[in-house]
């Protein structure tokens, strides 16, 4: 026969003193659920995903722009050497 003891708490703060249950049971199976904190974590992870997408887009644009700048510098050097400015 398996019994269950449910201890419920609305905060995530650490318990400063050892739980009374540990004196009676050595091997406890623990299940912790924090729905508010999990919802906050999901929101943060979705924001991180959006930031990653923006970062990738900006990196691609920077690579494109650096190619354009490189070509313009080469053309400017050629024009300078040909006194075509």
C-alpha atoms as a PDB file:
ATOM      1  CA  UNK A   1       0.000   0.000   0.000  1.00  0.00           C
ATOM      2  CA  UNK A   2       1.434   3.309  -1.034  1.00  0.00           C
ATOM      3  CA  UNK A   3       0.531   6.486   0.771  1.00  0.00           C
ATOM      4  CA  UNK A   4       0.928  10.052  -0.352  1.00  0.00           C
ATOM      5  CA  UNK A   5       1.604  13.089   1.756  1.00  0.00           C
ATOM      6  CA  UNK A   6       0.947  16.376   0.014  1.00  0.00           C
ATOM      7  CA  UNK A   7       2.658  19.523   1.233  1.00  0.00           C
ATOM      8  CA  UNK A   8       1.558  22.595  -0.662  1.00  0.00           C
ATOM      9  CA  UNK A   9       3.121  26.036  -0.619  1.00  0.00           C
ATOM     10  CA  UNK A  10       2.413  29.123  -2.732  1.00  0.00           C
ATOM     11  CA  UNK A  11       5.984  30.445  -2.749  1.00  0.00           C
ATOM     12  CA  UNK A  12       9.290  29.199  -4.084  1.00  0.00           C
ATOM     13  CA  UNK A  13      11.385  30.469  -1.175  1.00  0.00           C
ATOM     14  CA  UNK A  14      13.786  28.002   0.370  1.00  0.00           C
ATOM     15  CA  UNK A  15      12.834  26.497   3.697  1.00  0.00           C
ATOM     16  CA  UNK A  16      15.358  27.696   6.307  1.00  0.00           C
ATOM     17  CA  UNK A  17      14.876  24.672   8.572  1.00  0.00           C
ATOM     18  CA  UNK A  18      14.813  21.011   7.562  1.00  0.00           C
ATOM     19  CA  UNK A  19      11.359  19.708   6.800  1.00  0.00           C
ATOM     20  CA  UNK A  20       9.809  17.549   9.513  1.00  0.00           C
ATOM     21  CA  UNK A  21       9.141  14.861   6.909  1.00  0.00           C
ATOM     22  CA  UNK A  22      12.846  14.173   6.423  1.00  0.00           C
ATOM     23  CA  UNK A  23      13.073  12.880   9.973  1.00  0.00           C
ATOM     24  CA  UNK A  24      10.455  10.226   9.245  1.00  0.00           C
ATOM     25  CA  UNK A  25      11.185   9.298   5.625  1.00  0.00           C
ATOM     26  CA  UNK A  26      14.610   8.886   4.099  1.00  0.00           C
ATOM     27  CA  UNK A  27      13.645   8.376   0.437  1.00  0.00           C
ATOM     28  CA  UNK A  28      10.948  10.785  -0.623  1.00  0.00           C
ATOM     29  CA  UNK A  29       9.778  11.247  -4.174  1.00  0.00           C
ATOM     30  CA  UNK A  30       9.288  14.933  -4.799  1.00  0.00           C
ATOM     31  CA  UNK A  31       7.071  16.575  -7.368  1.00  0.00           C
ATOM     32  CA  UNK A  32       7.118  20.363  -7.521  1.00  0.00           C
ATOM     33  CA  UNK A  33       4.793  22.447  -9.667  1.00  0.00           C
ATOM     34  CA  UNK A  34       5.065  26.214  -9.983  1.00  0.00           C
ATOM     35  CA  UNK A  35       2.502  27.281 -12.606  1.00  0.00           C
ATOM     36  CA  UNK A  36       3.085  31.043 -12.299  1.00  0.00           C
ATOM     37  CA  UNK A  37       6.851  30.671 -12.579  1.00  0.00           C
ATOM     38  CA  UNK A  38       6.513  28.256 -15.488  1.00  0.00           C
ATOM     39  CA  UNK A  39       4.267  30.756 -17.309  1.00  0.00           C
ATOM     40  CA  UNK A  40       6.847  33.494 -16.663  1.00  0.00           C
ATOM     41  CA  UNK A  41       9.594  31.216 -17.969  1.00  0.00           C
ATOM     42  CA  UNK A  42       7.595  30.461 -21.134  1.00  0.00           C
ATOM     43  CA  UNK A  43       7.157  34.202 -21.742  1.00  0.00           C
ATOM     44  CA  UNK A  44      10.864  34.855 -21.268  1.00  0.00           C
ATOM     45  CA  UNK A  45      11.793  31.979 -23.587  1.00  0.00           C
ATOM     46  CA  UNK A  46       9.444  33.279 -26.292  1.00  0.00           C
ATOM     47  CA  UNK A  47      11.081  36.710 -25.998  1.00  0.00           C
ATOM     48  CA  UNK A  48      14.516  35.082 -26.277  1.00  0.00           C
ATOM     49  CA  UNK A  49      13.340  33.282 -29.419  1.00  0.00           C
ATOM     50  CA  UNK A  50      12.167  36.584 -30.935  1.00  0.00           C
ATOM     51  CA  UNK A  51      15.496  38.239 -30.048  1.00  0.00           C
ATOM     52  CA  UNK A  52      17.362  35.340 -31.697  1.00  0.00           C
ATOM     53  CA  UNK A  53      15.377  35.815 -34.913  1.00  0.00           C
ATOM     54  CA  UNK A  54      16.065  39.565 -34.929  1.00  0.00           C
ATOM     55  CA  UNK A  55      19.769  38.942 -34.244  1.00  0.00           C
ATOM     56  CA  UNK A  56      19.987  36.502 -37.164  1.00  0.00           C
ATOM     57  CA  UNK A  57      18.234  38.951 -39.484  1.00  0.00           C
ATOM     58  CA  UNK A  58      20.546  41.798 -38.431  1.00  0.00           C
ATOM     59  CA  UNK A  59      23.612  39.591 -38.874  1.00  0.00           C
ATOM     60  CA  UNK A  60      22.523  38.727 -42.406  1.00  0.00           C
ATOM     61  CA  UNK A  61      21.915  42.413 -43.210  1.00  0.00           C
ATOM     62  CA  UNK A  62      25.352  43.338 -41.830  1.00  0.00           C
ATOM     63  CA  UNK A  63      26.989  40.701 -44.014  1.00  0.00           C
ATOM     64  CA  UNK A  64      25.161  42.045 -47.083  1.00  0.00           C
ATOM     65  CA  UNK A  65      26.089  45.633 -46.251  1.00  0.00           C
ATOM     66  CA  UNK A  66      29.747  44.770 -45.653  1.00  0.00           C
ATOM     67  CA  UNK A  67      29.862  43.213 -49.144  1.00  0.00           C
ATOM     68  CA  UNK A  68      28.434  46.399 -50.651  1.00  0.00           C
ATOM     69  CA  UNK A  69      30.931  48.545 -48.725  1.00  0.00           C
ATOM     70  CA  UNK A  70      33.814  46.335 -49.847  1.00  0.00           C
ATOM     71  CA  UNK A  71      32.792  46.764 -53.501  1.00  0.00           C
ATOM     72  CA  UNK A  72      32.433  50.531 -53.084  1.00  0.00           C
ATOM     73  CA  UNK A  73      35.898  50.790 -51.524  1.00  0.00           C
ATOM     74  CA  UNK A  74      37.440  48.847 -54.415  1.00  0.00           C
ATOM     75  CA  UNK A  75      35.660  51.075 -56.947  1.00  0.00           C
ATOM     76  CA  UNK A  76      36.767  54.218 -55.083  1.00  0.00           C
ATOM     77  CA  UNK A  77      40.403  53.023 -55.064  1.00  0.00           C
ATOM     78  CA  UNK A  78      40.206  52.292 -58.804  1.00  0.00           C
ATOM     79  CA  UNK A  79      38.726  55.721 -59.475  1.00  0.00           C
ATOM     80  CA  UNK A  80      41.429  57.392 -57.376  1.00  0.00           C
ATOM     81  CA  UNK A  81      44.189  55.571 -59.227  1.00  0.00           C
ATOM     82  CA  UNK A  82      42.712  56.617 -62.561  1.00  0.00           C
ATOM     83  CA  UNK A  83      42.281  60.218 -61.367  1.00  0.00           C
ATOM     84  CA  UNK A  84      38.609  59.892 -62.198  1.00  0.00           C
ATOM     85  CA  UNK A  85      37.270  61.632 -59.135  1.00  0.00           C
END
